[in-house]
Amino acid sequence: MRVFLNEDWIHYLWSRYDQEIEKEALQNFIRQYKDTTITDFCFNVNGTVSTSMSGVLQTWIDKYCQQNSVVKNR
């Protein structure tokens, strides 16, 4: 069985806002999952949803309330 971790790239960068992020730091972040059940790691920069109203991106609340979602009949 494969287990994917799709890390939110905005969360990764924002949580390190005041730091310089070097290639080695990113590699170490990914390597922390080496001996876990995670088999695949990705940063999906094209799967982002907006945190505010947007004419370009779907918002997180729109995504949350979409048909066949967690919330029904909102």
PDB file of N, CA and C in Angstrom:
ATOM      1  N   MET A   1       0.842  -1.177   0.000  1.00  0.00           N
ATOM      2  CA  MET A   1       0.000   0.000   0.000  1.00  0.00           C
ATOM      3  C   MET A   1       0.888   1.240   0.000  1.00  0.00           C
ATOM      4  N   ARG A   2       0.487   2.214  -0.806  1.00  0.00           N
ATOM      5  CA  ARG A   2       1.218   3.476  -0.849  1.00  0.00           C
ATOM      6  C   ARG A   2       0.466   4.515  -0.024  1.00  0.00           C
ATOM      7  N   VAL A   3       1.223   5.303   0.699  1.00  0.00           N
ATOM      8  CA  VAL A   3       0.644   6.376   1.508  1.00  0.00           C
ATOM      9  C   VAL A   3       1.275   7.688   1.052  1.00  0.00           C
ATOM     10  N   PHE A   4       0.441   8.584   0.550  1.00  0.00           N
ATOM     11  CA  PHE A   4       0.907   9.868   0.044  1.00  0.00           C
ATOM     12  C   PHE A   4       0.742  10.954   1.103  1.00  0.00           C
ATOM     13  N   LEU A   5       1.723  11.837   1.189  1.00  0.00           N
ATOM     14  CA  LEU A   5       1.599  13.045   2.003  1.00  0.00           C
ATOM     15  C   LEU A   5       1.656  14.220   1.042  1.00  0.00           C
ATOM     16  N   ASN A   6       0.568  14.941   0.950  1.00  0.00           N
ATOM     17  CA  ASN A   6       0.497  16.120   0.093  1.00  0.00           C
ATOM     18  C   ASN A   6       0.608  17.338   1.000  1.00  0.00           C
ATOM     19  N   GLU A   7       1.817  17.759   1.253  1.00  0.00           N
ATOM     20  CA  GLU A   7       2.072  18.895   2.144  1.00  0.00           C
ATOM     21  C   GLU A   7       1.576  20.184   1.496  1.00  0.00           C
ATOM     22  N   ASP A   8       0.889  20.982   2.256  1.00  0.00           N
ATOM     23  CA  ASP A   8       0.425  22.285   1.778  1.00  0.00           C
ATOM     24  C   ASP A   8       1.629  23.211   1.686  1.00  0.00           C
ATOM     25  N   TRP A   9       2.006  23.575   0.485  1.00  0.00           N
ATOM     26  CA  TRP A   9       3.206  24.386   0.302  1.00  0.00           C
ATOM     27  C   TRP A   9       3.077  25.763   0.945  1.00  0.00           C
ATOM     28  N   ILE A  10       1.849  26.302   1.003  1.00  0.00           N
ATOM     29  CA  ILE A  10       1.667  27.599   1.661  1.00  0.00           C
ATOM     30  C   ILE A  10       1.947  27.458   3.157  1.00  0.00           C
ATOM     31  N   HIS A  11       1.456  26.386   3.764  1.00  0.00           N
ATOM     32  CA  HIS A  11       1.736  26.140   5.177  1.00  0.00           C
ATOM     33  C   HIS A  11       3.236  25.999   5.399  1.00  0.00           C
ATOM     34  N   TYR A  12       3.904  25.237   4.551  1.00  0.00           N
ATOM     35  CA  TYR A  12       5.347  25.034   4.707  1.00  0.00           C
ATOM     36  C   TYR A  12       6.085  26.369   4.674  1.00  0.00           C
ATOM     37  N   LEU A  13       5.798  27.189   3.685  1.00  0.00           N
ATOM     38  CA  LEU A  13       6.497  28.473   3.567  1.00  0.00           C
ATOM     39  C   LEU A  13       6.102  29.443   4.675  1.00  0.00           C
ATOM     40  N   TRP A  14       4.800  29.529   4.982  1.00  0.00           N
ATOM     41  CA  TRP A  14       4.342  30.478   5.998  1.00  0.00           C
ATOM     42  C   TRP A  14       4.902  30.137   7.375  1.00  0.00           C
ATOM     43  N   SER A  15       5.007  28.855   7.695  1.00  0.00           N
ATOM     44  CA  SER A  15       5.532  28.464   9.005  1.00  0.00           C
ATOM     45  C   SER A  15       7.031  28.729   9.114  1.00  0.00           C
ATOM     46  N   ARG A  16       7.655  29.079   8.005  1.00  0.00           N
ATOM     47  CA  ARG A  16       9.085  29.401   7.989  1.00  0.00           C
ATOM     48  C   ARG A  16       9.312  30.801   7.420  1.00  0.00           C
ATOM     49  N   TYR A  17       8.310  31.641   7.580  1.00  0.00           N
ATOM     50  CA  TYR A  17       8.304  32.972   6.978  1.00  0.00           C
ATOM     51  C   TYR A  17       9.550  33.785   7.309  1.00  0.00           C
ATOM     52  N   ASP A  18      10.016  33.688   8.534  1.00  0.00           N
ATOM     53  CA  ASP A  18      11.145  34.502   8.975  1.00  0.00           C
ATOM     54  C   ASP A  18      12.490  33.802   8.799  1.00  0.00           C
ATOM     55  N   GLN A  19      12.517  32.720   8.054  1.00  0.00           N
ATOM     56  CA  GLN A  19      13.749  31.962   7.838  1.00  0.00           C
ATOM     57  C   GLN A  19      14.084  31.921   6.353  1.00  0.00           C
ATOM     58  N   GLU A  20      15.369  31.784   6.063  1.00  0.00           N
ATOM     59  CA  GLU A  20      15.745  31.510   4.686  1.00  0.00           C
ATOM     60  C   GLU A  20      15.611  30.012   4.482  1.00  0.00           C
ATOM     61  N   ILE A  21      14.942  29.625   3.422  1.00  0.00           N
ATOM     62  CA  ILE A  21      14.727  28.206   3.164  1.00  0.00           C
ATOM     63  C   ILE A  21      15.708  27.757   2.088  1.00  0.00           C
ATOM     64  N   GLU A  22      16.658  26.968   2.502  1.00  0.00           N
ATOM     65  CA  GLU A  22      17.652  26.433   1.581  1.00  0.00           C
ATOM     66  C   GLU A  22      17.229  25.041   1.131  1.00  0.00           C
ATOM     67  N   LYS A  23      17.835  24.576   0.071  1.00  0.00           N
ATOM     68  CA  LYS A  23      17.544  23.248  -0.470  1.00  0.00           C
ATOM     69  C   LYS A  23      17.715  22.170   0.600  1.00  0.00           C
ATOM     70  N   GLU A  24      18.759  22.267   1.400  1.00  0.00           N
ATOM     71  CA  GLU A  24      19.029  21.269   2.442  1.00  0.00           C
ATOM     72  C   GLU A  24      17.909  21.230   3.490  1.00  0.00           C
ATOM     73  N   ALA A  25      17.381  22.386   3.849  1.00  0.00           N
ATOM     74  CA  ALA A  25      16.283  22.429   4.828  1.00  0.00           C
ATOM     75  C   ALA A  25      15.045  21.721   4.290  1.00  0.00           C
ATOM     76  N   LEU A  26      14.754  21.923   3.031  1.00  0.00           N
ATOM     77  CA  LEU A  26      13.615  21.251   2.407  1.00  0.00           C
ATOM     78  C   LEU A  26      13.846  19.742   2.345  1.00  0.00           C
ATOM     79  N   GLN A  27      15.058  19.337   1.981  1.00  0.00           N
ATOM     80  CA  GLN A  27      15.377  17.911   1.937  1.00  0.00           C
ATOM     81  C   GLN A  27      15.247  17.277   3.316  1.00  0.00           C
ATOM     82  N   ASN A  28      15.715  17.965   4.339  1.00  0.00           N
ATOM     83  CA  ASN A  28      15.597  17.442   5.707  1.00  0.00           C
ATOM     84  C   ASN A  28      14.141  17.340   6.148  1.00  0.00           C
ATOM     85  N   PHE A  29      13.331  18.301   5.738  1.00  0.00           N
ATOM     86  CA  PHE A  29      11.908  18.252   6.059  1.00  0.00           C
ATOM     87  C   PHE A  29      11.282  16.992   5.473  1.00  0.00           C
ATOM     88  N   ILE A  30      11.594  16.697   4.241  1.00  0.00           N
ATOM     89  CA  ILE A  30      11.052  15.505   3.583  1.00  0.00           C
ATOM     90  C   ILE A  30      11.626  14.234   4.204  1.00  0.00           C
ATOM     91  N   ARG A  31      12.904  14.253   4.517  1.00  0.00           N
ATOM     92  CA  ARG A  31      13.555  13.056   5.084  1.00  0.00           C
ATOM     93  C   ARG A  31      13.024  12.674   6.461  1.00  0.00           C
ATOM     94  N   GLN A  32      12.386  13.586   7.157  1.00  0.00           N
ATOM     95  CA  GLN A  32      11.849  13.238   8.477  1.00  0.00           C
ATOM     96  C   GLN A  32      10.801  12.133   8.387  1.00  0.00           C
ATOM     97  N   TYR A  33      10.265  11.907   7.201  1.00  0.00           N
ATOM     98  CA  TYR A  33       9.249  10.869   6.993  1.00  0.00           C
ATOM     99  C   TYR A  33       9.850   9.547   6.510  1.00  0.00           C
ATOM    100  N   LYS A  34      11.173   9.475   6.468  1.00  0.00           N
ATOM    101  CA  LYS A  34      11.863   8.309   5.903  1.00  0.00           C
ATOM    102  C   LYS A  34      11.436   6.980   6.527  1.00  0.00           C
ATOM    103  N   ASP A  35      11.406   6.869   7.802  1.00  0.00           N
ATOM    104  CA  ASP A  35      11.096   5.600   8.471  1.00  0.00           C
ATOM    105  C   ASP A  35       9.658   5.553   8.987  1.00  0.00           C
ATOM    106  N   THR A  36       8.762   6.181   8.245  1.00  0.00           N
ATOM    107  CA  THR A  36       7.339   6.169   8.592  1.00  0.00           C
ATOM    108  C   THR A  36       6.585   5.388   7.520  1.00  0.00           C
ATOM    109  N   THR A  37       5.286   5.401   7.613  1.00  0.00           N
ATOM    110  CA  THR A  37       4.482   4.708   6.600  1.00  0.00           C
ATOM    111  C   THR A  37       4.285   5.544   5.335  1.00  0.00           C
ATOM    112  N   ILE A  38       4.789   6.778   5.327  1.00  0.00           N
ATOM    113  CA  ILE A  38       4.685   7.633   4.141  1.00  0.00           C
ATOM    114  C   ILE A  38       5.581   7.066   3.044  1.00  0.00           C
ATOM    115  N   THR A  39       4.994   6.809   1.876  1.00  0.00           N
ATOM    116  CA  THR A  39       5.772   6.275   0.751  1.00  0.00           C
ATOM    117  C   THR A  39       6.045   7.330  -0.310  1.00  0.00           C
ATOM    118  N   ASP A  40       5.184   8.357  -0.380  1.00  0.00           N
ATOM    119  CA  ASP A  40       5.322   9.395  -1.401  1.00  0.00           C
ATOM    120  C   ASP A  40       5.032  10.753  -0.784  1.00  0.00           C
ATOM    121  N   PHE A  41       5.805  11.740  -1.182  1.00  0.00           N
ATOM    122  CA  PHE A  41       5.678  13.091  -0.640  1.00  0.00           C
ATOM    123  C   PHE A  41       5.555  14.058  -1.809  1.00  0.00           C
ATOM    124  N   CYS A  42       4.629  15.007  -1.703  1.00  0.00           N
ATOM    125  CA  CYS A  42       4.534  16.008  -2.770  1.00  0.00           C
ATOM    126  C   CYS A  42       4.087  17.352  -2.213  1.00  0.00           C
ATOM    127  N   PHE A  43       4.506  18.384  -2.914  1.00  0.00           N
ATOM    128  CA  PHE A  43       3.981  19.729  -2.733  1.00  0.00           C
ATOM    129  C   PHE A  43       3.157  20.006  -3.984  1.00  0.00           C
ATOM    130  N   ASN A  44       1.858  20.072  -3.872  1.00  0.00           N
ATOM    131  CA  ASN A  44       1.014  20.307  -5.030  1.00  0.00           C
ATOM    132  C   ASN A  44       0.699  21.790  -5.118  1.00  0.00           C
ATOM    133  N   VAL A  45       1.502  22.519  -5.864  1.00  0.00           N
ATOM    134  CA  VAL A  45       1.312  23.967  -5.967  1.00  0.00           C
ATOM    135  C   VAL A  45       0.154  24.337  -6.880  1.00  0.00           C
ATOM    136  N   ASN A  46      -0.383  23.377  -7.611  1.00  0.00           N
ATOM    137  CA  ASN A  46      -1.517  23.653  -8.490  1.00  0.00           C
ATOM    138  C   ASN A  46      -2.840  23.245  -7.860  1.00  0.00           C
ATOM    139  N   GLY A  47      -2.805  22.733  -6.645  1.00  0.00           N
ATOM    140  CA  GLY A  47      -4.024  22.299  -5.974  1.00  0.00           C
ATOM    141  C   GLY A  47      -4.467  23.250  -4.890  1.00  0.00           C
ATOM    142  N   THR A  48      -4.039  24.472  -4.969  1.00  0.00           N
ATOM    143  CA  THR A  48      -4.304  25.459  -3.937  1.00  0.00           C
ATOM    144  C   THR A  48      -5.729  25.997  -4.011  1.00  0.00           C
ATOM    145  N   VAL A  49      -6.315  26.229  -2.857  1.00  0.00           N
ATOM    146  CA  VAL A  49      -7.595  26.920  -2.779  1.00  0.00           C
ATOM    147  C   VAL A  49      -7.376  28.245  -2.064  1.00  0.00           C
ATOM    148  N   SER A  50      -8.206  29.203  -2.367  1.00  0.00           N
ATOM    149  CA  SER A  50      -8.069  30.533  -1.797  1.00  0.00           C
ATOM    150  C   SER A  50      -8.633  30.587  -0.378  1.00  0.00           C
ATOM    151  N   THR A  51      -8.037  31.425   0.454  1.00  0.00           N
ATOM    152  CA  THR A  51      -8.555  31.631   1.808  1.00  0.00           C
ATOM    153  C   THR A  51      -9.511  32.820   1.863  1.00  0.00           C
ATOM    154  N   SER A  52      -9.639  33.549   0.744  1.00  0.00           N
ATOM    155  CA  SER A  52     -10.587  34.662   0.667  1.00  0.00           C
ATOM    156  C   SER A  52     -11.318  34.583  -0.670  1.00  0.00           C
ATOM    157  N   MET A  53     -12.392  35.366  -0.814  1.00  0.00           N
ATOM    158  CA  MET A  53     -13.159  35.330  -2.063  1.00  0.00           C
ATOM    159  C   MET A  53     -12.234  35.582  -3.244  1.00  0.00           C
ATOM    160  N   SER A  54     -12.399  34.786  -4.281  1.00  0.00           N
ATOM    161  CA  SER A  54     -11.513  34.876  -5.431  1.00  0.00           C
ATOM    162  C   SER A  54     -12.286  34.612  -6.712  1.00  0.00           C
ATOM    163  N   GLY A  55     -11.991  35.374  -7.736  1.00  0.00           N
ATOM    164  CA  GLY A  55     -12.571  35.127  -9.043  1.00  0.00           C
ATOM    165  C   GLY A  55     -11.750  34.136  -9.843  1.00  0.00           C
ATOM    166  N   VAL A  56     -10.624  33.726  -9.297  1.00  0.00           N
ATOM    167  CA  VAL A  56      -9.708  32.825  -9.996  1.00  0.00           C
ATOM    168  C   VAL A  56      -9.673  31.447  -9.354  1.00  0.00           C
ATOM    169  N   LEU A  57      -9.498  31.402  -8.046  1.00  0.00           N
ATOM    170  CA  LEU A  57      -9.392  30.136  -7.328  1.00  0.00           C
ATOM    171  C   LEU A  57     -10.677  29.823  -6.574  1.00  0.00           C
ATOM    172  N   GLN A  58     -10.946  28.554  -6.396  1.00  0.00           N
ATOM    173  CA  GLN A  58     -12.049  28.123  -5.548  1.00  0.00           C
ATOM    174  C   GLN A  58     -11.635  28.382  -4.097  1.00  0.00           C
ATOM    175  N   THR A  59     -12.566  28.840  -3.272  1.00  0.00           N
ATOM    176  CA  THR A  59     -12.226  29.077  -1.872  1.00  0.00           C
ATOM    177  C   THR A  59     -12.332  27.775  -1.085  1.00  0.00           C
ATOM    178  N   TRP A  60     -11.707  27.753   0.056  1.00  0.00           N
ATOM    179  CA  TRP A  60     -11.740  26.526   0.862  1.00  0.00           C
ATOM    180  C   TRP A  60     -13.159  26.210   1.315  1.00  0.00           C
ATOM    181  N   ILE A  61     -13.972  27.238   1.594  1.00  0.00           N
ATOM    182  CA  ILE A  61     -15.336  26.964   2.045  1.00  0.00           C
ATOM    183  C   ILE A  61     -16.195  26.457   0.888  1.00  0.00           C
ATOM    184  N   ASP A  62     -15.964  26.964  -0.333  1.00  0.00           N
ATOM    185  CA  ASP A  62     -16.665  26.423  -1.505  1.00  0.00           C
ATOM    186  C   ASP A  62     -16.319  24.955  -1.684  1.00  0.00           C
ATOM    187  N   LYS A  63     -15.046  24.648  -1.542  1.00  0.00           N
ATOM    188  CA  LYS A  63     -14.588  23.266  -1.688  1.00  0.00           C
ATOM    189  C   LYS A  63     -15.195  22.395  -0.593  1.00  0.00           C
ATOM    190  N   TYR A  64     -15.226  22.907   0.619  1.00  0.00           N
ATOM    191  CA  TYR A  64     -15.758  22.161   1.758  1.00  0.00           C
ATOM    192  C   TYR A  64     -17.243  21.864   1.590  1.00  0.00           C
ATOM    193  N   CYS A  65     -17.986  22.794   1.002  1.00  0.00           N
ATOM    194  CA  CYS A  65     -19.436  22.664   0.886  1.00  0.00           C
ATOM    195  C   CYS A  65     -19.899  22.114  -0.467  1.00  0.00           C
ATOM    196  N   GLN A  66     -18.989  21.741  -1.334  1.00  0.00           N
ATOM    197  CA  GLN A  66     -19.391  21.271  -2.662  1.00  0.00           C
ATOM    198  C   GLN A  66     -20.224  19.996  -2.590  1.00  0.00           C
ATOM    199  N   GLN A  67     -20.879  19.669  -3.679  1.00  0.00           N
ATOM    200  CA  GLN A  67     -21.687  18.455  -3.747  1.00  0.00           C
ATOM    201  C   GLN A  67     -20.823  17.248  -3.403  1.00  0.00           C
ATOM    202  N   ASN A  68     -21.387  16.316  -2.654  1.00  0.00           N
ATOM    203  CA  ASN A  68     -20.689  15.110  -2.183  1.00  0.00           C
ATOM    204  C   ASN A  68     -19.562  15.435  -1.208  1.00  0.00           C
ATOM    205  N   SER A  69     -19.692  16.534  -0.510  1.00  0.00           N
ATOM    206  CA  SER A  69     -18.648  16.916   0.446  1.00  0.00           C
ATOM    207  C   SER A  69     -19.049  16.502   1.855  1.00  0.00           C
ATOM    208  N   VAL A  70     -18.294  16.972   2.810  1.00  0.00           N
ATOM    209  CA  VAL A  70     -18.548  16.669   4.212  1.00  0.00           C
ATOM    210  C   VAL A  70     -19.840  17.337   4.677  1.00  0.00           C
ATOM    211  N   VAL A  71     -20.080  18.566   4.240  1.00  0.00           N
ATOM    212  CA  VAL A  71     -21.244  19.334   4.667  1.00  0.00           C
ATOM    213  C   VAL A  71     -22.358  19.169   3.637  1.00  0.00           C
ATOM    214  N   LYS A  72     -23.538  18.798   4.086  1.00  0.00           N
ATOM    215  CA  LYS A  72     -24.683  18.602   3.195  1.00  0.00           C
ATOM    216  C   LYS A  72     -25.713  19.707   3.402  1.00  0.00           C
ATOM    217  N   ASN A  73     -26.343  20.117   2.321  1.00  0.00           N
ATOM    218  CA  ASN A  73     -27.464  21.068   2.356  1.00  0.00           C
ATOM    219  C   ASN A  73     -27.156  22.331   3.140  1.00  0.00           C
ATOM    220  N   ARG A  74     -26.108  22.976   2.823  1.00  0.00           N
ATOM    221  CA  ARG A  74     -25.735  24.216   3.497  1.00  0.00           C
ATOM    222  C   ARG A  74     -26.644  25.323   3.072  1.00  0.00           C
TER     223      ARG A  74
END
